[in-house]
Amino acid sequence: MTGTESRRSRQVAGIALVCGLSLILSACGGDSDAEGTSGADGAPAGDTKIGVVIKGLDNPFFQHMEDGIEAAAKDSGVDYTIQAAASITDTTGQADKLSNLANQDYSCYVVNPISGTNLIQGIAQIAANDKTIVNIDNPVEADAAEAADATIATYIGTDNVAAGKMVADQLAKLAPDGGDVATVGGIAGDVTSAQRIDGFKEGLTGDFTVVQEVAADWNRQMAQTEAETILRGNPDLAAFFVANDDMAMGVARAVAAADRKGETLVVSVDGIDGVASGDIDAAVAQYPYVVGKMGMQACEASAAGNELPAKVDTPIELITPDNAKEAQEAFPEPPSEYENPFADLLD
């Protein structure tokens, strides 16, 4: 998956109120600042104003998250601003964006930190102003939040340990004789990546042995290079577990180049299209559109005076060649029904 140098303009229309919404990227690409007021029924947006800071739009995962945020805003009629990091590794730039928003007139903030601590300064500012903080996707480190005297109203995201275990369970079905396995994670020390790999290792059963673990910075080319090196040292490797789909496609290239396709399996978190194309053997799909949508709905529910659940696991789906086409057709929503406690609170 490649980054985007620009994002399409969006227009949100109501019955009696039309508001233009444009996403403007910086000259470097990947940096998005968007503001909008939307109302499906033409009513004023009211007092609810939401500030959102997400990871870089150079990764399609976060483009889909942004789409979910905007869809929820259109449905509800809230005022909102979305700002995105320049890239998925731009920790300082992302922190600056939240700090700039923190003392502005927003009643709720949705934060999607690159690391567990890089947004703490802005979060501390928000907490000092007694505003609601909704944490999505990547968790804010609990100790850091406590030190900042900040309370996270709710965390919304994938149960990454469960996702890793689900992949491991499917691998056991695909390779019942077991064998050596390598894992390819994202940025070294990243909580999300570590949880997926830990879940995968915890879920392994039978005669599997993890012989090597590497980090590839969520980067396809780096993952391909790492996989090539691993395969040279382990020519009979049974499988790779990869922490996201972009890296998995790089690993799949390495497997194909080594003439190991069908013998060295590639399983991952995310990768609906890769499974459909036959490059990835199985994946557990997340739904960033749903994560973004729930984040906005959580702010709306809080503004309405509702107590929010402390943690909400967003849906995941096992994707195999048998259901990949169905999953593609349903995307960006899951093909199966799922619980949304925030929608229930808003009913």
Protein backbone atom coordinates (compact mmCIF):
# COMPACT_ATOMS: atom_id res chain seq x y z
CA MET A 1 0.00 0.00 0.00
CA THR A 2 1.38 3.40 -0.87
CA GLY A 3 1.02 6.82 0.70
CA THR A 4 -1.10 9.57 -0.74
CA GLU A 5 0.14 13.02 -1.74
CA SER A 6 -3.33 14.51 -1.58
CA ARG A 7 -6.77 13.62 -0.33
CA ARG A 8 -10.00 14.04 -2.19
CA SER A 9 -12.25 16.96 -1.30
CA ARG A 10 -15.43 15.98 0.45
CA GLN A 11 -18.73 17.82 0.65
CA VAL A 12 -21.24 17.04 3.35
CA ALA A 13 -24.81 18.11 2.55
CA GLY A 14 -27.86 18.39 4.83
CA ILE A 15 -31.47 19.07 3.92
CA ALA A 16 -31.22 22.77 4.83
CA LEU A 17 -27.53 23.15 5.56
CA VAL A 18 -24.63 22.52 3.23
CA CYS A 19 -21.06 22.74 4.44
CA GLY A 20 -18.00 22.30 2.28
CA LEU A 21 -15.26 20.19 3.67
CA SER A 22 -11.77 20.08 2.15
CA LEU A 23 -8.80 18.09 3.28
CA ILE A 24 -5.62 20.06 2.59
CA LEU A 25 -2.31 18.28 2.70
CA SER A 26 1.03 19.96 3.24
CA ALA A 27 3.58 20.06 0.42
CA CYS A 28 5.35 17.10 1.97
CA GLY A 29 2.23 14.92 1.67
CA GLY A 30 0.43 12.85 4.29
CA ASP A 31 -0.44 15.77 6.58
CA SER A 32 -4.15 16.48 6.78
CA ASP A 33 -6.02 19.30 8.49
CA ALA A 34 -9.78 19.26 8.01
CA GLU A 35 -12.62 21.15 9.62
CA GLY A 36 -16.31 20.68 9.14
CA THR A 37 -19.79 21.20 10.44
CA SER A 38 -22.26 18.64 9.27
CA GLY A 39 -25.88 17.90 9.89
CA ALA A 40 -27.88 15.12 8.31
CA ASP A 41 -31.13 16.77 9.32
CA GLY A 42 -30.12 20.37 8.66
CA ALA A 43 -30.08 21.26 12.36
CA PRO A 44 -27.26 23.34 13.85
CA ALA A 45 -24.39 21.31 15.23
CA GLY A 46 -24.91 22.68 18.73
CA ASP A 47 -22.28 22.91 21.45
CA THR A 48 -20.44 19.66 20.72
CA LYS A 49 -17.06 20.39 19.14
CA ILE A 50 -14.60 17.58 18.63
CA GLY A 51 -10.87 17.82 17.98
CA VAL A 52 -9.28 14.74 16.41
CA VAL A 53 -5.60 13.85 15.99
CA ILE A 54 -4.76 10.62 14.16
CA LYS A 55 -1.73 8.88 12.71
CA GLY A 56 -0.36 9.55 9.24
CA LEU A 57 -2.49 9.25 6.13
CA ASP A 58 0.45 7.68 4.30
CA ASN A 59 -1.08 4.39 5.47
CA PRO A 60 -4.52 3.42 4.06
CA PHE A 61 -5.54 2.07 7.48
CA PHE A 62 -5.72 5.63 8.79
CA GLN A 63 -7.37 6.90 5.64
CA HIS A 64 -10.23 4.50 6.40
CA MET A 65 -10.23 5.68 10.02
CA GLU A 66 -10.58 9.26 8.81
CA ASP A 67 -13.49 8.20 6.60
CA GLY A 68 -15.25 6.69 9.62
CA ILE A 69 -14.71 9.88 11.62
CA GLU A 70 -16.19 11.99 8.85
CA ALA A 71 -19.14 9.64 8.32
CA ALA A 72 -20.06 9.82 12.01
CA ALA A 73 -19.76 13.61 11.99
CA LYS A 74 -22.01 13.83 8.94
CA ASP A 75 -24.64 11.69 10.64
CA SER A 76 -24.64 13.66 13.89
CA GLY A 77 -24.06 17.27 12.88
CA VAL A 78 -21.12 18.00 15.21
CA ASP A 79 -18.40 20.56 14.62
CA TYR A 80 -15.06 18.84 14.27
CA THR A 81 -11.46 19.23 13.19
CA ILE A 82 -9.22 16.36 12.04
CA GLN A 83 -5.47 16.69 11.99
CA ALA A 84 -3.11 13.90 10.94
CA ALA A 85 0.57 13.32 11.45
CA ALA A 86 2.78 13.69 8.37
CA SER A 87 3.56 9.96 8.53
CA ILE A 88 3.02 6.99 10.80
CA THR A 89 6.43 7.65 12.41
CA ASP A 90 6.01 11.43 12.87
CA THR A 91 5.75 11.38 16.66
CA THR A 92 6.90 14.97 17.22
CA GLY A 93 4.76 16.48 14.49
CA GLN A 94 1.70 14.65 15.76
CA ALA A 95 2.38 15.86 19.31
CA ASP A 96 2.63 19.45 18.09
CA LYS A 97 -0.75 19.14 16.37
CA LEU A 98 -2.48 17.99 19.54
CA SER A 99 -0.79 20.67 21.63
CA ASN A 100 -2.03 23.30 19.18
CA LEU A 101 -5.59 22.00 19.49
CA ALA A 102 -5.51 21.38 23.23
CA ASN A 103 -6.31 24.90 24.37
CA GLN A 104 -8.90 25.57 21.69
CA ASP A 105 -12.63 25.44 22.21
CA TYR A 106 -13.33 21.71 21.83
CA SER A 107 -15.51 19.82 24.26
CA CYS A 108 -14.00 16.41 23.44
CA TYR A 109 -10.78 15.14 21.90
CA VAL A 110 -10.23 11.90 19.99
CA VAL A 111 -6.57 10.84 20.07
CA ASN A 112 -4.85 8.12 18.05
CA PRO A 113 -1.24 8.29 19.29
CA ILE A 114 1.72 6.96 17.31
CA SER A 115 3.29 5.73 20.54
CA GLY A 116 1.99 5.27 24.06
CA THR A 117 3.58 8.52 25.23
CA ASN A 118 4.11 10.93 22.33
CA LEU A 119 0.82 12.81 22.89
CA ILE A 120 1.13 13.11 26.66
CA GLN A 121 1.93 16.84 26.68
CA GLY A 122 -1.24 17.67 24.77
CA ILE A 123 -3.26 15.19 26.80
CA ALA A 124 -2.08 16.90 29.99
CA GLN A 125 -3.25 20.25 28.59
CA ILE A 126 -6.65 18.78 27.73
CA ALA A 127 -6.99 17.21 31.19
CA ALA A 128 -6.13 20.53 32.83
CA ASN A 129 -9.04 22.07 30.95
CA ASP A 130 -11.34 19.27 32.15
CA LYS A 131 -12.25 18.12 28.64
CA THR A 132 -13.19 14.59 27.59
CA ILE A 133 -10.43 12.39 26.09
CA VAL A 134 -11.33 9.45 23.86
CA ASN A 135 -8.40 7.18 22.96
CA ILE A 136 -8.65 5.11 19.78
CA ASP A 137 -6.54 2.42 18.11
CA ASN A 138 -3.18 2.74 19.88
CA PRO A 139 -3.48 2.98 23.68
CA VAL A 140 -2.08 5.84 25.70
CA GLU A 141 0.32 4.40 28.24
CA ALA A 142 -1.54 4.19 31.55
CA ASP A 143 1.38 5.32 33.73
CA ALA A 144 2.03 8.31 31.49
CA ALA A 145 -1.64 9.32 31.59
CA GLU A 146 -1.64 9.04 35.38
CA ALA A 147 1.49 11.17 35.63
CA ALA A 148 -0.23 13.77 33.45
CA ASP A 149 -3.25 13.67 35.79
CA ALA A 150 -5.36 12.66 32.79
CA THR A 151 -8.32 10.31 32.74
CA ILE A 152 -9.04 8.53 29.47
CA ALA A 153 -12.84 8.42 29.20
CA THR A 154 -12.79 5.33 26.99
CA TYR A 155 -10.39 3.27 24.90
CA ILE A 156 -11.69 2.00 21.55
CA GLY A 157 -9.67 -0.40 19.46
CA THR A 158 -8.70 -3.91 18.44
CA ASP A 159 -7.95 -6.55 21.04
CA ASN A 160 -4.55 -7.17 19.49
CA VAL A 161 -3.74 -10.17 21.65
CA ALA A 162 -6.99 -11.83 20.54
CA ALA A 163 -6.18 -11.01 16.91
CA GLY A 164 -2.76 -12.65 17.21
CA LYS A 165 -4.26 -15.73 18.82
CA MET A 166 -6.86 -16.01 16.06
CA VAL A 167 -4.13 -15.98 13.42
CA ALA A 168 -2.18 -18.66 15.32
CA ASP A 169 -5.25 -20.85 15.48
CA GLN A 170 -5.74 -20.60 11.73
CA LEU A 171 -2.06 -21.33 11.07
CA ALA A 172 -2.39 -24.58 13.04
CA LYS A 173 -5.17 -25.60 10.65
CA LEU A 174 -3.16 -24.65 7.58
CA ALA A 175 0.05 -26.37 8.75
CA PRO A 176 -0.96 -29.19 11.11
CA ASP A 177 2.56 -30.63 11.12
CA GLY A 178 3.98 -27.44 12.63
CA GLY A 179 7.46 -26.19 11.88
CA ASP A 180 9.67 -23.14 12.36
CA VAL A 181 8.04 -19.71 12.32
CA ALA A 182 9.37 -16.15 12.11
CA THR A 183 7.54 -13.00 13.21
CA VAL A 184 7.76 -9.58 11.57
CA GLY A 185 6.65 -6.71 13.80
CA GLY A 186 6.27 -2.97 13.31
CA ILE A 187 8.37 -0.38 15.12
CA ALA A 188 10.51 -1.89 17.89
CA GLY A 189 8.83 -1.25 21.23
CA ASP A 190 5.43 -0.43 19.71
CA VAL A 191 2.66 -1.65 22.02
CA THR A 192 0.25 -2.64 19.25
CA SER A 193 2.83 -4.70 17.38
CA ALA A 194 4.06 -6.35 20.56
CA GLN A 195 0.53 -7.33 21.59
CA ARG A 196 -0.17 -8.95 18.23
CA ILE A 197 3.06 -10.94 18.33
CA ASP A 198 2.54 -11.92 21.98
CA GLY A 199 -0.99 -13.09 21.16
CA PHE A 200 0.29 -15.07 18.20
CA LYS A 201 2.97 -16.79 20.28
CA GLU A 202 0.52 -17.49 23.10
CA GLY A 203 -1.91 -19.00 20.59
CA LEU A 204 0.58 -21.33 18.91
CA THR A 205 -0.14 -24.97 19.54
CA GLY A 206 1.47 -28.18 18.33
CA ASP A 207 4.97 -28.40 16.97
CA PHE A 208 5.62 -24.77 16.05
CA THR A 209 8.81 -23.00 17.12
CA VAL A 210 9.43 -19.27 16.75
CA VAL A 211 13.00 -19.14 15.51
CA GLN A 212 13.36 -15.43 14.73
CA GLU A 213 11.65 -12.13 15.51
CA VAL A 214 12.38 -8.91 13.62
CA ALA A 215 10.96 -5.39 13.43
CA ALA A 216 10.34 -3.77 10.05
CA ASP A 217 8.92 -0.35 11.01
CA TRP A 218 5.55 -1.05 9.35
CA ASN A 219 7.42 -0.73 6.04
CA ARG A 220 6.82 -3.07 3.09
CA GLN A 221 10.32 -2.89 1.60
CA MET A 222 12.01 -3.32 4.96
CA ALA A 223 9.80 -6.35 5.67
CA GLN A 224 10.72 -7.86 2.33
CA THR A 225 14.43 -7.39 3.03
CA GLU A 226 14.13 -8.89 6.51
CA ALA A 227 12.17 -11.85 5.15
CA GLU A 228 14.77 -12.49 2.46
CA THR A 229 17.47 -12.62 5.13
CA ILE A 230 15.42 -14.95 7.32
CA LEU A 231 14.71 -17.32 4.43
CA ARG A 232 18.39 -17.57 3.57
CA GLY A 233 19.08 -18.72 7.12
CA ASN A 234 15.94 -20.85 7.41
CA PRO A 235 15.20 -22.28 3.96
CA ASP A 236 12.56 -24.68 5.31
CA LEU A 237 10.65 -22.07 7.31
CA ALA A 238 7.01 -23.10 7.72
CA ALA A 239 5.47 -19.64 8.11
CA PHE A 240 5.78 -15.93 8.73
CA PHE A 241 3.44 -14.09 11.07
CA VAL A 242 3.36 -10.41 10.09
CA ALA A 243 1.89 -7.64 12.23
CA ASN A 244 0.20 -5.74 9.40
CA ASP A 245 -0.84 -6.17 5.79
CA ASP A 246 1.60 -3.75 4.17
CA MET A 247 4.56 -5.62 5.62
CA ALA A 248 2.88 -8.94 4.82
CA MET A 249 2.84 -8.05 1.13
CA GLY A 250 6.58 -7.40 1.32
CA VAL A 251 7.11 -10.74 3.03
CA ALA A 252 4.97 -12.43 0.37
CA ARG A 253 7.26 -11.03 -2.32
CA ALA A 254 10.28 -12.49 -0.53
CA VAL A 255 8.58 -15.87 -0.24
CA ALA A 256 7.69 -15.88 -3.94
CA ALA A 257 11.22 -14.82 -4.92
CA ALA A 258 12.63 -17.70 -2.90
CA ASP A 259 10.27 -20.09 -4.72
CA ARG A 260 8.62 -20.98 -1.39
CA LYS A 261 5.03 -19.93 -2.17
CA GLY A 262 2.67 -22.55 -0.76
CA GLU A 263 5.44 -24.01 1.41
CA THR A 264 6.29 -21.01 3.58
CA LEU A 265 2.92 -19.58 4.61
CA VAL A 266 2.28 -15.87 5.23
CA VAL A 267 -0.34 -14.98 7.84
CA SER A 268 -1.03 -11.51 9.16
CA VAL A 269 -3.19 -8.98 10.93
CA ASP A 270 -5.11 -7.21 8.16
CA GLY A 271 -4.81 -8.13 4.51
CA ILE A 272 -8.24 -8.77 3.00
CA ASP A 273 -7.02 -7.89 -0.48
CA GLY A 274 -3.84 -9.93 -0.01
CA VAL A 275 -5.84 -13.01 0.92
CA ALA A 276 -8.17 -12.44 -2.02
CA SER A 277 -5.20 -12.20 -4.39
CA GLY A 278 -3.55 -15.31 -2.95
CA ASP A 279 -0.46 -13.48 -1.68
CA ILE A 280 -1.42 -13.90 1.99
CA ASP A 281 -2.66 -17.28 3.23
CA ALA A 282 -4.88 -15.98 6.06
CA ALA A 283 -5.43 -12.76 7.98
CA VAL A 284 -7.43 -11.29 10.81
CA ALA A 285 -9.00 -8.06 9.59
CA GLN A 286 -9.48 -4.96 11.70
CA TYR A 287 -11.95 -2.24 10.80
CA PRO A 288 -10.44 1.26 11.20
CA TYR A 289 -13.57 2.85 9.73
CA VAL A 290 -15.51 1.46 12.70
CA VAL A 291 -12.80 2.62 15.14
CA GLY A 292 -13.03 6.18 13.82
CA LYS A 293 -16.81 6.14 13.80
CA MET A 294 -17.02 4.87 17.37
CA GLY A 295 -14.52 7.49 18.54
CA MET A 296 -16.77 10.29 17.34
CA GLN A 297 -19.89 8.61 18.73
CA ALA A 298 -18.17 8.29 22.11
CA CYS A 299 -17.64 12.05 22.20
CA GLU A 300 -21.27 12.62 21.24
CA ALA A 301 -22.49 10.20 23.92
CA SER A 302 -20.31 11.90 26.53
CA ALA A 303 -21.63 15.33 25.54
CA ALA A 304 -25.16 13.97 26.00
CA GLY A 305 -24.29 13.11 29.60
CA ASN A 306 -23.76 9.38 29.21
CA GLU A 307 -21.14 7.44 31.13
CA LEU A 308 -18.81 5.73 28.68
CA PRO A 309 -17.56 2.14 28.95
CA ALA A 310 -13.89 2.10 29.93
CA LYS A 311 -12.88 -0.12 27.02
CA VAL A 312 -14.55 -1.25 23.80
CA ASP A 313 -13.10 -3.95 21.56
CA THR A 314 -13.82 -3.21 17.93
CA PRO A 315 -14.71 -6.06 15.54
CA ILE A 316 -12.18 -8.41 13.98
CA GLU A 317 -12.81 -11.07 11.34
CA LEU A 318 -10.82 -14.12 10.26
CA ILE A 319 -10.22 -13.81 6.51
CA THR A 320 -9.50 -16.90 4.42
CA PRO A 321 -9.74 -17.54 0.67
CA ASP A 322 -13.28 -18.81 1.31
CA ASN A 323 -14.65 -15.50 2.61
CA ALA A 324 -12.20 -12.89 1.24
CA LYS A 325 -14.53 -11.78 -1.56
CA GLU A 326 -17.43 -11.31 0.86
CA ALA A 327 -15.15 -9.30 3.16
CA GLN A 328 -14.04 -7.11 0.25
CA GLU A 329 -17.65 -6.38 -0.68
CA ALA A 330 -18.58 -5.43 2.90
CA PHE A 331 -15.52 -3.25 3.58
CA PRO A 332 -15.07 -0.76 5.25
CA GLU A 333 -17.64 -2.37 7.56
CA PRO A 334 -17.28 -6.00 8.72
CA PRO A 335 -19.28 -8.66 6.91
CA SER A 336 -20.81 -9.72 10.25
CA GLU A 337 -22.90 -7.80 12.76
CA TYR A 338 -21.08 -6.30 15.74
CA GLU A 339 -21.92 -4.51 18.98
CA ASN A 340 -21.64 -0.72 19.15
CA PRO A 341 -22.32 0.50 22.70
CA PHE A 342 -21.98 4.16 21.68
CA ALA A 343 -24.70 3.91 19.06
CA ASP A 344 -26.88 2.30 21.73
CA LEU A 345 -26.21 5.22 24.09
CA LEU A 346 -27.19 7.70 21.38
CA ASP A 347 -30.48 5.95 20.51
